[in-house]
PDB file of N, CA and C in Angstrom:
ATOM      1  N   UNK A   1     -89.268 -66.144-207.582  1.00  0.00           N
ATOM      2  CA  UNK A   1     -88.881 -66.322-206.193  1.00  0.00           C
ATOM      3  C   UNK A   1     -89.458 -65.167-205.377  1.00  0.00           C
ATOM      4  N   UNK A   2     -90.127 -65.497-204.288  1.00  0.00           N
ATOM      5  CA  UNK A   2     -90.715 -64.468-203.454  1.00  0.00           C
ATOM      6  C   UNK A   2     -89.670 -63.881-202.527  1.00  0.00           C
ATOM      7  N   UNK A   3     -89.978 -62.712-202.013  1.00  0.00           N
ATOM      8  CA  UNK A   3     -89.058 -62.027-201.107  1.00  0.00           C
ATOM      9  C   UNK A   3     -88.818 -62.833-199.831  1.00  0.00           C
ATOM     10  N   UNK A   4     -89.848 -63.572-199.361  1.00  0.00           N
ATOM     11  CA  UNK A   4     -89.698 -64.340-198.127  1.00  0.00           C
ATOM     12  C   UNK A   4     -88.689 -65.474-198.278  1.00  0.00           C
ATOM     13  N   UNK A   5     -88.490 -65.974-199.522  1.00  0.00           N
ATOM     14  CA  UNK A   5     -87.509 -67.035-199.726  1.00  0.00           C
ATOM     15  C   UNK A   5     -86.096 -66.469-199.760  1.00  0.00           C
ATOM     16  N   UNK A   6     -85.945 -65.250-200.254  1.00  0.00           N
ATOM     17  CA  UNK A   6     -84.628 -64.621-200.298  1.00  0.00           C
ATOM     18  C   UNK A   6     -84.189 -64.158-198.925  1.00  0.00           C
ATOM     19  N   UNK A   7     -85.087 -63.549-198.189  1.00  0.00           N
ATOM     20  CA  UNK A   7     -84.782 -63.014-196.862  1.00  0.00           C
ATOM     21  C   UNK A   7     -85.767 -63.585-195.850  1.00  0.00           C
ATOM     22  N   UNK A   8     -85.479 -64.767-195.302  1.00  0.00           N
ATOM     23  CA  UNK A   8     -86.409 -65.341-194.335  1.00  0.00           C
ATOM     24  C   UNK A   8     -86.531 -64.440-193.107  1.00  0.00           C
ATOM     25  N   UNK A   9     -87.692 -64.434-192.464  1.00  0.00           N
ATOM     26  CA  UNK A   9     -87.855 -63.579-191.283  1.00  0.00           C
ATOM     27  C   UNK A   9     -86.864 -63.978-190.192  1.00  0.00           C
ATOM     28  N   UNK A  10     -86.306 -62.949-189.561  1.00  0.00           N
ATOM     29  CA  UNK A  10     -85.332 -63.204-188.513  1.00  0.00           C
ATOM     30  C   UNK A  10     -86.030 -63.658-187.243  1.00  0.00           C
ATOM     31  N   UNK A  11     -85.402 -64.601-186.573  1.00  0.00           N
ATOM     32  CA  UNK A  11     -85.935 -65.113-185.318  1.00  0.00           C
ATOM     33  C   UNK A  11     -85.664 -64.089-184.219  1.00  0.00           C
ATOM     34  N   UNK A  12     -86.591 -63.951-183.301  1.00  0.00           N
ATOM     35  CA  UNK A  12     -86.421 -63.044-182.179  1.00  0.00           C
ATOM     36  C   UNK A  12     -85.338 -63.586-181.240  1.00  0.00           C
ATOM     37  N   UNK A  13     -84.412 -62.732-180.879  1.00  0.00           N
ATOM     38  CA  UNK A  13     -83.332 -63.110-179.967  1.00  0.00           C
ATOM     39  C   UNK A  13     -83.857 -63.026-178.538  1.00  0.00           C
ATOM     40  N   UNK A  14     -83.662 -64.087-177.782  1.00  0.00           N
ATOM     41  CA  UNK A  14     -84.171 -64.151-176.414  1.00  0.00           C
ATOM     42  C   UNK A  14     -83.022 -64.040-175.406  1.00  0.00           C
ATOM     43  N   UNK A  15     -83.397 -63.919-174.156  1.00  0.00           N
ATOM     44  CA  UNK A  15     -82.413 -63.890-173.073  1.00  0.00           C
ATOM     45  C   UNK A  15     -81.619 -65.193-173.055  1.00  0.00           C
ATOM     46  N   UNK A  16     -82.270 -66.294-173.384  1.00  0.00           N
ATOM     47  CA  UNK A  16     -81.555 -67.583-173.424  1.00  0.00           C
ATOM     48  C   UNK A  16     -80.466 -67.580-174.499  1.00  0.00           C
ATOM     49  N   UNK A  17     -80.744 -66.940-175.631  1.00  0.00           N
ATOM     50  CA  UNK A  17     -79.730 -66.834-176.687  1.00  0.00           C
ATOM     51  C   UNK A  17     -78.526 -66.025-176.199  1.00  0.00           C
ATOM     52  N   UNK A  18     -78.811 -64.928-175.501  1.00  0.00           N
ATOM     53  CA  UNK A  18     -77.734 -64.092-174.960  1.00  0.00           C
ATOM     54  C   UNK A  18     -76.960 -64.868-173.895  1.00  0.00           C
ATOM     55  N   UNK A  19     -77.668 -65.645-173.088  1.00  0.00           N
ATOM     56  CA  UNK A  19     -77.011 -66.446-172.053  1.00  0.00           C
ATOM     57  C   UNK A  19     -76.053 -67.452-172.684  1.00  0.00           C
ATOM     58  N   UNK A  20     -76.502 -68.126-173.722  1.00  0.00           N
ATOM     59  CA  UNK A  20     -75.659 -69.112-174.399  1.00  0.00           C
ATOM     60  C   UNK A  20     -74.425 -68.452-175.013  1.00  0.00           C
ATOM     61  N   UNK A  21     -74.625 -67.304-175.658  1.00  0.00           N
ATOM     62  CA  UNK A  21     -73.514 -66.605-176.317  1.00  0.00           C
ATOM     63  C   UNK A  21     -72.513 -66.029-175.314  1.00  0.00           C
ATOM     64  N   UNK A  22     -73.011 -65.605-174.147  1.00  0.00           N
ATOM     65  CA  UNK A  22     -72.125 -64.970-173.162  1.00  0.00           C
ATOM     66  C   UNK A  22     -71.508 -65.960-172.183  1.00  0.00           C
ATOM     67  N   UNK A  23     -72.117 -67.139-172.063  1.00  0.00           N
ATOM     68  CA  UNK A  23     -71.603 -68.139-171.129  1.00  0.00           C
ATOM     69  C   UNK A  23     -72.124 -67.984-169.716  1.00  0.00           C
ATOM     70  N   UNK A  24     -73.157 -67.175-169.533  1.00  0.00           N
ATOM     71  CA  UNK A  24     -73.744 -66.975-168.209  1.00  0.00           C
ATOM     72  C   UNK A  24     -75.172 -67.510-168.197  1.00  0.00           C
ATOM     73  N   UNK A  25     -75.721 -67.677-167.000  1.00  0.00           N
ATOM     74  CA  UNK A  25     -77.076 -68.213-166.888  1.00  0.00           C
ATOM     75  C   UNK A  25     -78.098 -67.191-167.378  1.00  0.00           C
ATOM     76  N   UNK A  26     -79.258 -67.696-167.763  1.00  0.00           N
ATOM     77  CA  UNK A  26     -80.341 -66.820-168.208  1.00  0.00           C
ATOM     78  C   UNK A  26     -80.768 -65.882-167.086  1.00  0.00           C
ATOM     79  N   UNK A  27     -80.685 -66.354-165.852  1.00  0.00           N
ATOM     80  CA  UNK A  27     -81.045 -65.514-164.708  1.00  0.00           C
ATOM     81  C   UNK A  27     -80.092 -64.329-164.585  1.00  0.00           C
ATOM     82  N   UNK A  28     -78.793 -64.591-164.691  1.00  0.00           N
ATOM     83  CA  UNK A  28     -77.795 -63.525-164.600  1.00  0.00           C
ATOM     84  C   UNK A  28     -77.976 -62.537-165.750  1.00  0.00           C
ATOM     85  N   UNK A  29     -78.195 -63.056-166.936  1.00  0.00           N
ATOM     86  CA  UNK A  29     -78.406 -62.197-168.112  1.00  0.00           C
ATOM     87  C   UNK A  29     -79.635 -61.317-167.905  1.00  0.00           C
ATOM     88  N   UNK A  30     -80.706 -61.895-167.409  1.00  0.00           N
ATOM     89  CA  UNK A  30     -81.935 -61.136-167.166  1.00  0.00           C
ATOM     90  C   UNK A  30     -81.702 -60.020-166.151  1.00  0.00           C
ATOM     91  N   UNK A  31     -80.991 -60.331-165.089  1.00  0.00           N
ATOM     92  CA  UNK A  31     -80.699 -59.332-164.059  1.00  0.00           C
ATOM     93  C   UNK A  31     -79.911 -58.170-164.652  1.00  0.00           C
ATOM     94  N   UNK A  32     -78.910 -58.491-165.466  1.00  0.00           N
ATOM     95  CA  UNK A  32     -78.070 -57.438-166.055  1.00  0.00           C
ATOM     96  C   UNK A  32     -78.860 -56.613-167.075  1.00  0.00           C
ATOM     97  N   UNK A  33     -79.522 -57.289-168.009  1.00  0.00           N
ATOM     98  CA  UNK A  33     -80.207 -56.571-169.082  1.00  0.00           C
ATOM     99  C   UNK A  33     -81.403 -55.749-168.586  1.00  0.00           C
ATOM    100  N   UNK A  34     -82.008 -56.196-167.489  1.00  0.00           N
ATOM    101  CA  UNK A  34     -83.137 -55.447-166.930  1.00  0.00           C
ATOM    102  C   UNK A  34     -82.692 -54.469-165.846  1.00  0.00           C
ATOM    103  N   UNK A  35     -81.388 -54.427-165.592  1.00  0.00           N
ATOM    104  CA  UNK A  35     -80.826 -53.568-164.549  1.00  0.00           C
ATOM    105  C   UNK A  35     -81.590 -53.717-163.233  1.00  0.00           C
ATOM    106  N   UNK A  36     -81.821 -54.983-162.879  1.00  0.00           N
ATOM    107  CA  UNK A  36     -82.544 -55.304-161.644  1.00  0.00           C
ATOM    108  C   UNK A  36     -81.696 -54.906-160.436  1.00  0.00           C
ATOM    109  N   UNK A  37     -82.316 -54.759-159.271  1.00  0.00           N
ATOM    110  CA  UNK A  37     -81.561 -54.371-158.069  1.00  0.00           C
ATOM    111  C   UNK A  37     -80.354 -55.279-157.787  1.00  0.00           C
ATOM    112  N   UNK A  38     -80.474 -56.578-158.088  1.00  0.00           N
ATOM    113  CA  UNK A  38     -79.360 -57.494-157.845  1.00  0.00           C
ATOM    114  C   UNK A  38     -78.178 -57.249-158.780  1.00  0.00           C
ATOM    115  N   UNK A  39     -78.360 -56.462-159.814  1.00  0.00           N
ATOM    116  CA  UNK A  39     -77.279 -56.188-160.776  1.00  0.00           C
ATOM    117  C   UNK A  39     -76.092 -55.505-160.107  1.00  0.00           C
ATOM    118  N   UNK A  40     -76.318 -54.821-159.012  1.00  0.00           N
ATOM    119  CA  UNK A  40     -75.207 -54.138-158.346  1.00  0.00           C
ATOM    120  C   UNK A  40     -74.193 -55.123-157.767  1.00  0.00           C
ATOM    121  N   UNK A  41     -74.587 -56.397-157.612  1.00  0.00           N
ATOM    122  CA  UNK A  41     -73.681 -57.417-157.079  1.00  0.00           C
ATOM    123  C   UNK A  41     -72.929 -58.170-158.184  1.00  0.00           C
ATOM    124  N   UNK A  42     -73.234 -57.879-159.415  1.00  0.00           N
ATOM    125  CA  UNK A  42     -72.591 -58.565-160.543  1.00  0.00           C
ATOM    126  C   UNK A  42     -71.376 -57.749-160.981  1.00  0.00           C
ATOM    127  N   UNK A  43     -70.217 -58.391-161.110  1.00  0.00           N
ATOM    128  CA  UNK A  43     -68.993 -57.667-161.478  1.00  0.00           C
ATOM    129  C   UNK A  43     -69.136 -56.942-162.826  1.00  0.00           C
ATOM    130  N   UNK A  44     -68.520 -55.769-162.932  1.00  0.00           N
ATOM    131  CA  UNK A  44     -68.593 -54.998-164.180  1.00  0.00           C
ATOM    132  C   UNK A  44     -68.123 -55.783-165.409  1.00  0.00           C
ATOM    133  N   UNK A  45     -67.122 -56.644-165.225  1.00  0.00           N
ATOM    134  CA  UNK A  45     -66.619 -57.438-166.349  1.00  0.00           C
ATOM    135  C   UNK A  45     -67.710 -58.386-166.867  1.00  0.00           C
ATOM    136  N   UNK A  46     -68.452 -58.991-165.959  1.00  0.00           N
ATOM    137  CA  UNK A  46     -69.549 -59.887-166.338  1.00  0.00           C
ATOM    138  C   UNK A  46     -70.638 -59.097-167.058  1.00  0.00           C
ATOM    139  N   UNK A  47     -70.988 -57.937-166.510  1.00  0.00           N
ATOM    140  CA  UNK A  47     -71.994 -57.089-167.147  1.00  0.00           C
ATOM    141  C   UNK A  47     -71.570 -56.730-168.567  1.00  0.00           C
ATOM    142  N   UNK A  48     -70.297 -56.384-168.724  1.00  0.00           N
ATOM    143  CA  UNK A  48     -69.788 -56.012-170.038  1.00  0.00           C
ATOM    144  C   UNK A  48     -69.901 -57.142-171.045  1.00  0.00           C
ATOM    145  N   UNK A  49     -69.541 -58.366-170.627  1.00  0.00           N
ATOM    146  CA  UNK A  49     -69.635 -59.521-171.524  1.00  0.00           C
ATOM    147  C   UNK A  49     -71.074 -59.773-171.947  1.00  0.00           C
ATOM    148  N   UNK A  50     -71.984 -59.661-171.000  1.00  0.00           N
ATOM    149  CA  UNK A  50     -73.401 -59.889-171.289  1.00  0.00           C
ATOM    150  C   UNK A  50     -73.929 -58.805-172.230  1.00  0.00           C
ATOM    151  N   UNK A  51     -73.620 -57.561-171.933  1.00  0.00           N
ATOM    152  CA  UNK A  51     -74.094 -56.459-172.770  1.00  0.00           C
ATOM    153  C   UNK A  51     -73.505 -56.530-174.177  1.00  0.00           C
ATOM    154  N   UNK A  52     -72.251 -56.925-174.299  1.00  0.00           N
ATOM    155  CA  UNK A  52     -71.636 -57.079-175.619  1.00  0.00           C
ATOM    156  C   UNK A  52     -72.293 -58.197-176.416  1.00  0.00           C
ATOM    157  N   UNK A  53     -72.578 -59.314-175.742  1.00  0.00           N
ATOM    158  CA  UNK A  53     -73.239 -60.435-176.419  1.00  0.00           C
ATOM    159  C   UNK A  53     -74.633 -60.023-176.882  1.00  0.00           C
ATOM    160  N   UNK A  54     -75.345 -59.288-176.036  1.00  0.00           N
ATOM    161  CA  UNK A  54     -76.697 -58.838-176.393  1.00  0.00           C
ATOM    162  C   UNK A  54     -76.652 -57.906-177.601  1.00  0.00           C
ATOM    163  N   UNK A  55     -75.691 -57.008-177.603  1.00  0.00           N
ATOM    164  CA  UNK A  55     -75.557 -56.063-178.716  1.00  0.00           C
ATOM    165  C   UNK A  55     -75.183 -56.794-180.004  1.00  0.00           C
ATOM    166  N   UNK A  56     -74.237 -57.716-179.901  1.00  0.00           N
ATOM    167  CA  UNK A  56     -73.785 -58.469-181.071  1.00  0.00           C
ATOM    168  C   UNK A  56     -74.929 -59.275-181.693  1.00  0.00           C
ATOM    169  N   UNK A  57     -75.768 -59.860-180.847  1.00  0.00           N
ATOM    170  CA  UNK A  57     -76.883 -60.669-181.341  1.00  0.00           C
ATOM    171  C   UNK A  57     -78.069 -59.816-181.800  1.00  0.00           C
ATOM    172  N   UNK A  58     -78.083 -58.554-181.409  1.00  0.00           N
ATOM    173  CA  UNK A  58     -79.211 -57.686-181.750  1.00  0.00           C
ATOM    174  C   UNK A  58     -80.403 -57.890-180.830  1.00  0.00           C
ATOM    175  N   UNK A  59     -80.122 -58.202-179.571  1.00  0.00           N
ATOM    176  CA  UNK A  59     -81.200 -58.428-178.593  1.00  0.00           C
ATOM    177  C   UNK A  59     -81.950 -57.135-178.296  1.00  0.00           C
ATOM    178  N   UNK A  60     -83.269 -57.235-178.287  1.00  0.00           N
ATOM    179  CA  UNK A  60     -84.152 -56.155-177.849  1.00  0.00           C
ATOM    180  C   UNK A  60     -85.187 -56.770-176.925  1.00  0.00           C
ATOM    181  N   UNK A  61     -85.471 -56.144-175.794  1.00  0.00           N
ATOM    182  CA  UNK A  61     -86.453 -56.716-174.874  1.00  0.00           C
ATOM    183  C   UNK A  61     -87.831 -56.813-175.520  1.00  0.00           C
ATOM    184  N   UNK A  62     -88.560 -57.852-175.162  1.00  0.00           N
ATOM    185  CA  UNK A  62     -89.914 -58.050-175.653  1.00  0.00           C
ATOM    186  C   UNK A  62     -90.852 -57.220-174.786  1.00  0.00           C
ATOM    187  N   UNK A  63     -91.403 -56.171-175.356  1.00  0.00           N
ATOM    188  CA  UNK A  63     -92.238 -55.239-174.597  1.00  0.00           C
ATOM    189  C   UNK A  63     -93.498 -55.922-174.069  1.00  0.00           C
ATOM    190  N   UNK A  64     -94.061 -56.834-174.861  1.00  0.00           N
ATOM    191  CA  UNK A  64     -95.263 -57.547-174.421  1.00  0.00           C
ATOM    192  C   UNK A  64     -94.965 -58.403-173.197  1.00  0.00           C
ATOM    193  N   UNK A  65     -93.881 -59.161-173.253  1.00  0.00           N
ATOM    194  CA  UNK A  65     -93.522 -60.031-172.129  1.00  0.00           C
ATOM    195  C   UNK A  65     -93.224 -59.212-170.883  1.00  0.00           C
ATOM    196  N   UNK A  66     -92.532 -58.110-171.082  1.00  0.00           N
ATOM    197  CA  UNK A  66     -92.177 -57.252-169.949  1.00  0.00           C
ATOM    198  C   UNK A  66     -93.438 -56.706-169.265  1.00  0.00           C
ATOM    199  N   UNK A  67     -94.419 -56.288-170.048  1.00  0.00           N
ATOM    200  CA  UNK A  67     -95.634 -55.739-169.451  1.00  0.00           C
ATOM    201  C   UNK A  67     -96.451 -56.823-168.753  1.00  0.00           C
ATOM    202  N   UNK A  68     -96.417 -58.050-169.262  1.00  0.00           N
ATOM    203  CA  UNK A  68     -97.120 -59.135-168.587  1.00  0.00           C
ATOM    204  C   UNK A  68     -96.482 -59.452-167.241  1.00  0.00           C
ATOM    205  N   UNK A  69     -95.140 -59.485-167.211  1.00  0.00           N
ATOM    206  CA  UNK A  69     -94.436 -59.790-165.960  1.00  0.00           C
ATOM    207  C   UNK A  69     -94.637 -58.702-164.918  1.00  0.00           C
ATOM    208  N   UNK A  70     -94.536 -57.463-165.348  1.00  0.00           N
ATOM    209  CA  UNK A  70     -94.593 -56.353-164.395  1.00  0.00           C
ATOM    210  C   UNK A  70     -96.016 -55.916-164.075  1.00  0.00           C
ATOM    211  N   UNK A  71     -96.975 -56.427-164.837  1.00  0.00           N
ATOM    212  CA  UNK A  71     -98.390 -56.042-164.692  1.00  0.00           C
ATOM    213  C   UNK A  71     -98.560 -54.533-164.881  1.00  0.00           C
ATOM    214  N   UNK A  72     -97.645 -53.948-165.677  1.00  0.00           N
ATOM    215  CA  UNK A  72     -97.727 -52.533-166.030  1.00  0.00           C
ATOM    216  C   UNK A  72     -97.802 -52.454-167.539  1.00  0.00           C
ATOM    217  N   UNK A  73     -98.690 -51.649-167.994  1.00  0.00           N
ATOM    218  CA  UNK A  73     -98.928 -51.533-169.411  1.00  0.00           C
ATOM    219  C   UNK A  73     -98.154 -50.353-169.973  1.00  0.00           C
ATOM    220  N   UNK A  74     -97.169 -50.609-170.823  1.00  0.00           N
ATOM    221  CA  UNK A  74     -96.373 -49.547-171.435  1.00  0.00           C
ATOM    222  C   UNK A  74     -96.874 -49.300-172.852  1.00  0.00           C
ATOM    223  N   UNK A  75     -98.138 -48.958-172.946  1.00  0.00           N
ATOM    224  CA  UNK A  75     -98.720 -48.681-174.255  1.00  0.00           C
ATOM    225  C   UNK A  75     -99.252 -47.256-174.281  1.00  0.00           C
ATOM    226  N   UNK A  76     -99.248 -46.682-175.455  1.00  0.00           N
ATOM    227  CA  UNK A  76     -99.788 -45.348-175.655  1.00  0.00           C
ATOM    228  C   UNK A  76    -100.726 -45.419-176.852  1.00  0.00           C
ATOM    229  N   UNK A  77    -101.956 -44.978-176.658  1.00  0.00           N
ATOM    230  CA  UNK A  77    -102.908 -44.951-177.756  1.00  0.00           C
ATOM    231  C   UNK A  77    -102.741 -43.678-178.574  1.00  0.00           C
ATOM    232  N   UNK A  78    -102.722 -43.846-179.882  1.00  0.00           N
ATOM    233  CA  UNK A  78    -102.605 -42.710-180.795  1.00  0.00           C
ATOM    234  C   UNK A  78    -103.773 -42.781-181.763  1.00  0.00           C
ATOM    235  N   UNK A  79    -104.610 -41.750-181.765  1.00  0.00           N
ATOM    236  CA  UNK A  79    -105.728 -41.709-182.697  1.00  0.00           C
ATOM    237  C   UNK A  79    -105.488 -40.589-183.697  1.00  0.00           C
ATOM    238  N   UNK A  80    -105.661 -40.918-184.956  1.00  0.00           N
ATOM    239  CA  UNK A  80    -105.483 -39.941-186.021  1.00  0.00           C
ATOM    240  C   UNK A  80    -106.795 -39.761-186.765  1.00  0.00           C
ATOM    241  N   UNK A  81    -106.945 -38.575-187.331  1.00  0.00           N
ATOM    242  CA  UNK A  81    -108.193 -38.270-188.030  1.00  0.00           C
ATOM    243  C   UNK A  81    -108.251 -38.954-189.389  1.00  0.00           C
ATOM    244  N   UNK A  82    -107.127 -39.002-190.096  1.00  0.00           N
ATOM    245  CA  UNK A  82    -107.103 -39.637-191.410  1.00  0.00           C
ATOM    246  C   UNK A  82    -105.707 -40.186-191.675  1.00  0.00           C
ATOM    247  N   UNK A  83    -105.551 -41.489-191.540  1.00  0.00           N
ATOM    248  CA  UNK A  83    -104.231 -42.105-191.677  1.00  0.00           C
ATOM    249  C   UNK A  83    -103.688 -42.011-193.101  1.00  0.00           C
ATOM    250  N   UNK A  84    -104.542 -41.765-194.083  1.00  0.00           N
ATOM    251  CA  UNK A  84    -104.080 -41.682-195.468  1.00  0.00           C
ATOM    252  C   UNK A  84    -103.460 -40.326-195.788  1.00  0.00           C
ATOM    253  N   UNK A  85    -103.579 -39.363-194.904  1.00  0.00           N
ATOM    254  CA  UNK A  85    -102.978 -38.047-195.110  1.00  0.00           C
ATOM    255  C   UNK A  85    -101.454 -38.170-195.000  1.00  0.00           C
ATOM    256  N   UNK A  86    -100.694 -37.789-196.044  1.00  0.00           N
ATOM    257  CA  UNK A  86     -99.235 -37.926-196.006  1.00  0.00           C
ATOM    258  C   UNK A  86     -98.583 -37.203-194.823  1.00  0.00           C
ATOM    259  N   UNK A  87     -99.130 -36.078-194.418  1.00  0.00           N
ATOM    260  CA  UNK A  87     -98.599 -35.337-193.270  1.00  0.00           C
ATOM    261  C   UNK A  87     -98.743 -36.176-192.000  1.00  0.00           C
ATOM    262  N   UNK A  88     -99.860 -36.875-191.893  1.00  0.00           N
ATOM    263  CA  UNK A  88    -100.127 -37.736-190.737  1.00  0.00           C
ATOM    264  C   UNK A  88     -99.093 -38.859-190.655  1.00  0.00           C
ATOM    265  N   UNK A  89     -98.720 -39.402-191.787  1.00  0.00           N
ATOM    266  CA  UNK A  89     -97.752 -40.492-191.822  1.00  0.00           C
ATOM    267  C   UNK A  89     -96.413 -40.063-191.238  1.00  0.00           C
ATOM    268  N   UNK A  90     -95.959 -38.870-191.570  1.00  0.00           N
ATOM    269  CA  UNK A  90     -94.689 -38.374-191.033  1.00  0.00           C
ATOM    270  C   UNK A  90     -94.746 -38.216-189.514  1.00  0.00           C
ATOM    271  N   UNK A  91     -95.849 -37.689-189.044  1.00  0.00           N
ATOM    272  CA  UNK A  91     -96.018 -37.505-187.595  1.00  0.00           C
ATOM    273  C   UNK A  91     -96.065 -38.851-186.890  1.00  0.00           C
ATOM    274  N   UNK A  92     -96.807 -39.789-187.459  1.00  0.00           N
ATOM    275  CA  UNK A  92     -96.904 -41.117-186.848  1.00  0.00           C
ATOM    276  C   UNK A  92     -95.547 -41.812-186.778  1.00  0.00           C
ATOM    277  N   UNK A  93     -94.754 -41.664-187.821  1.00  0.00           N
ATOM    278  CA  UNK A  93     -93.420 -42.279-187.811  1.00  0.00           C
ATOM    279  C   UNK A  93     -92.589 -41.697-186.674  1.00  0.00           C
ATOM    280  N   UNK A  94     -92.643 -40.398-186.465  1.00  0.00           N
ATOM    281  CA  UNK A  94     -91.905 -39.768-185.373  1.00  0.00           C
ATOM    282  C   UNK A  94     -92.394 -40.232-184.010  1.00  0.00           C
ATOM    283  N   UNK A  95     -93.701 -40.326-183.859  1.00  0.00           N
ATOM    284  CA  UNK A  95     -94.272 -40.808-182.592  1.00  0.00           C
ATOM    285  C   UNK A  95     -93.830 -42.243-182.333  1.00  0.00           C
ATOM    286  N   UNK A  96     -93.933 -43.085-183.354  1.00  0.00           N
ATOM    287  CA  UNK A  96     -93.574 -44.490-183.206  1.00  0.00           C
ATOM    288  C   UNK A  96     -92.102 -44.653-182.847  1.00  0.00           C
ATOM    289  N   UNK A  97     -91.220 -43.912-183.501  1.00  0.00           N
ATOM    290  CA  UNK A  97     -89.784 -43.999-183.201  1.00  0.00           C
ATOM    291  C   UNK A  97     -89.484 -43.564-181.769  1.00  0.00           C
ATOM    292  N   UNK A  98     -90.096 -42.481-181.338  1.00  0.00           N
ATOM    293  CA  UNK A  98     -89.873 -41.987-179.974  1.00  0.00           C
ATOM    294  C   UNK A  98     -90.381 -42.975-178.936  1.00  0.00           C
ATOM    295  N   UNK A  99     -91.560 -43.520-179.171  1.00  0.00           N
ATOM    296  CA  UNK A  99     -92.124 -44.482-178.223  1.00  0.00           C
ATOM    297  C   UNK A  99     -91.285 -45.751-178.169  1.00  0.00           C
ATOM    298  N   UNK A 100     -90.814 -46.217-179.318  1.00  0.00           N
ATOM    299  CA  UNK A 100     -89.986 -47.419-179.364  1.00  0.00           C
ATOM    300  C   UNK A 100     -88.698 -47.219-178.552  1.00  0.00           C
ATOM    301  N   UNK A 101     -88.062 -46.077-178.703  1.00  0.00           N
ATOM    302  CA  UNK A 101     -86.826 -45.798-177.978  1.00  0.00           C
ATOM    303  C   UNK A 101     -87.068 -45.725-176.473  1.00  0.00           C
ATOM    304  N   UNK A 102     -88.269 -45.350-176.073  1.00  0.00           N
ATOM    305  CA  UNK A 102     -88.605 -45.263-174.652  1.00  0.00           C
ATOM    306  C   UNK A 102     -89.255 -46.551-174.140  1.00  0.00           C
ATOM    307  N   UNK A 103     -89.222 -47.620-174.945  1.00  0.00           N
ATOM    308  CA  UNK A 103     -89.811 -48.928-174.597  1.00  0.00           C
ATOM    309  C   UNK A 103     -91.312 -48.866-174.367  1.00  0.00           C
ATOM    310  N   UNK A 104     -91.980 -48.046-175.151  1.00  0.00           N
ATOM    311  CA  UNK A 104     -93.438 -48.010-175.124  1.00  0.00           C
ATOM    312  C   UNK A 104     -93.974 -48.600-176.414  1.00  0.00           C
ATOM    313  N   UNK A 105     -95.177 -49.104-176.350  1.00  0.00           N
ATOM    314  CA  UNK A 105     -95.806 -49.722-177.502  1.00  0.00           C
ATOM    315  C   UNK A 105     -96.977 -48.851-177.962  1.00  0.00           C
ATOM    316  N   UNK A 106     -96.914 -48.334-179.192  1.00  0.00           N
ATOM    317  CA  UNK A 106     -98.038 -47.520-179.667  1.00  0.00           C
ATOM    318  C   UNK A 106     -99.176 -48.388-180.177  1.00  0.00           C
ATOM    319  N   UNK A 107    -100.387 -47.960-179.898  1.00  0.00           N
ATOM    320  CA  UNK A 107    -101.586 -48.588-180.448  1.00  0.00           C
ATOM    321  C   UNK A 107    -102.277 -47.517-181.280  1.00  0.00           C
ATOM    322  N   UNK A 108    -102.497 -47.825-182.532  1.00  0.00           N
ATOM    323  CA  UNK A 108    -103.008 -46.845-183.480  1.00  0.00           C
ATOM    324  C   UNK A 108    -104.489 -47.060-183.759  1.00  0.00           C
ATOM    325  N   UNK A 109    -105.233 -45.958-183.794  1.00  0.00           N
ATOM    326  CA  UNK A 109    -106.637 -45.984-184.193  1.00  0.00           C
ATOM    327  C   UNK A 109    -106.853 -44.891-185.231  1.00  0.00           C
ATOM    328  N   UNK A 110    -107.594 -45.219-186.263  1.00  0.00           N
ATOM    329  CA  UNK A 110    -107.877 -44.282-187.348  1.00  0.00           C
ATOM    330  C   UNK A 110    -109.355 -43.914-187.300  1.00  0.00           C
ATOM    331  N   UNK A 111    -109.643 -42.622-187.283  1.00  0.00           N
ATOM    332  CA  UNK A 111    -111.037 -42.152-187.232  1.00  0.00           C
ATOM    333  C   UNK A 111    -111.682 -42.131-188.617  1.00  0.00           C
ATOM    334  N   UNK A 112    -110.940 -42.498-189.639  1.00  0.00           N
ATOM    335  CA  UNK A 112    -111.467 -42.580-191.012  1.00  0.00           C
ATOM    336  C   UNK A 112    -112.104 -41.281-191.483  1.00  0.00           C
ATOM    337  N   UNK A 113    -111.561 -40.169-191.009  1.00  0.00           N
ATOM    338  CA  UNK A 113    -112.037 -38.844-191.416  1.00  0.00           C
ATOM    339  C   UNK A 113    -113.505 -38.624-191.048  1.00  0.00           C
ATOM    340  N   UNK A 114    -113.963 -39.257-189.959  1.00  0.00           N
ATOM    341  CA  UNK A 114    -115.346 -39.116-189.492  1.00  0.00           C
ATOM    342  C   UNK A 114    -115.330 -38.564-188.072  1.00  0.00           C
ATOM    343  N   UNK A 115    -115.825 -37.340-187.908  1.00  0.00           N
ATOM    344  CA  UNK A 115    -115.786 -36.659-186.615  1.00  0.00           C
ATOM    345  C   UNK A 115    -116.394 -37.499-185.477  1.00  0.00           C
ATOM    346  N   UNK A 116    -117.557 -38.160-185.656  1.00  0.00           N
ATOM    347  CA  UNK A 116    -118.116 -38.936-184.546  1.00  0.00           C
ATOM    348  C   UNK A 116    -117.192 -40.061-184.048  1.00  0.00           C
ATOM    349  N   UNK A 117    -116.396 -40.625-184.951  1.00  0.00           N
ATOM    350  CA  UNK A 117    -115.481 -41.693-184.547  1.00  0.00           C
ATOM    351  C   UNK A 117    -114.307 -41.136-183.750  1.00  0.00           C
ATOM    352  N   UNK A 118    -113.963 -39.875-183.999  1.00  0.00           N
ATOM    353  CA  UNK A 118    -112.824 -39.262-183.320  1.00  0.00           C
ATOM    354  C   UNK A 118    -113.198 -38.967-181.887  1.00  0.00           C
TER     355      UNK A 118
END
């Protein structure tokens, strides 16, 4: 039995899923989760229900979709001299975790230990 049969890949949770779970429209959920200017008109109790539903479902915003909508690119390029270096791996993990928490998307390039490529 392969690992994929034991643990099927989890489906990405969308705003529509959060809307269904919270009982509010996808538009209201989007306004709350994106902290849009109109969110100030939504009652705190409604915001709480939406945020709780999102947390319970494990909702995370889709960075690609967000950048397409806003026409702003939240990506950071990271180039390393040699990705096979164990020290490099630790640094990359830290960079990736920090960027993820700040809703940025890292793009990695490896120079393959060749100065001209760097």
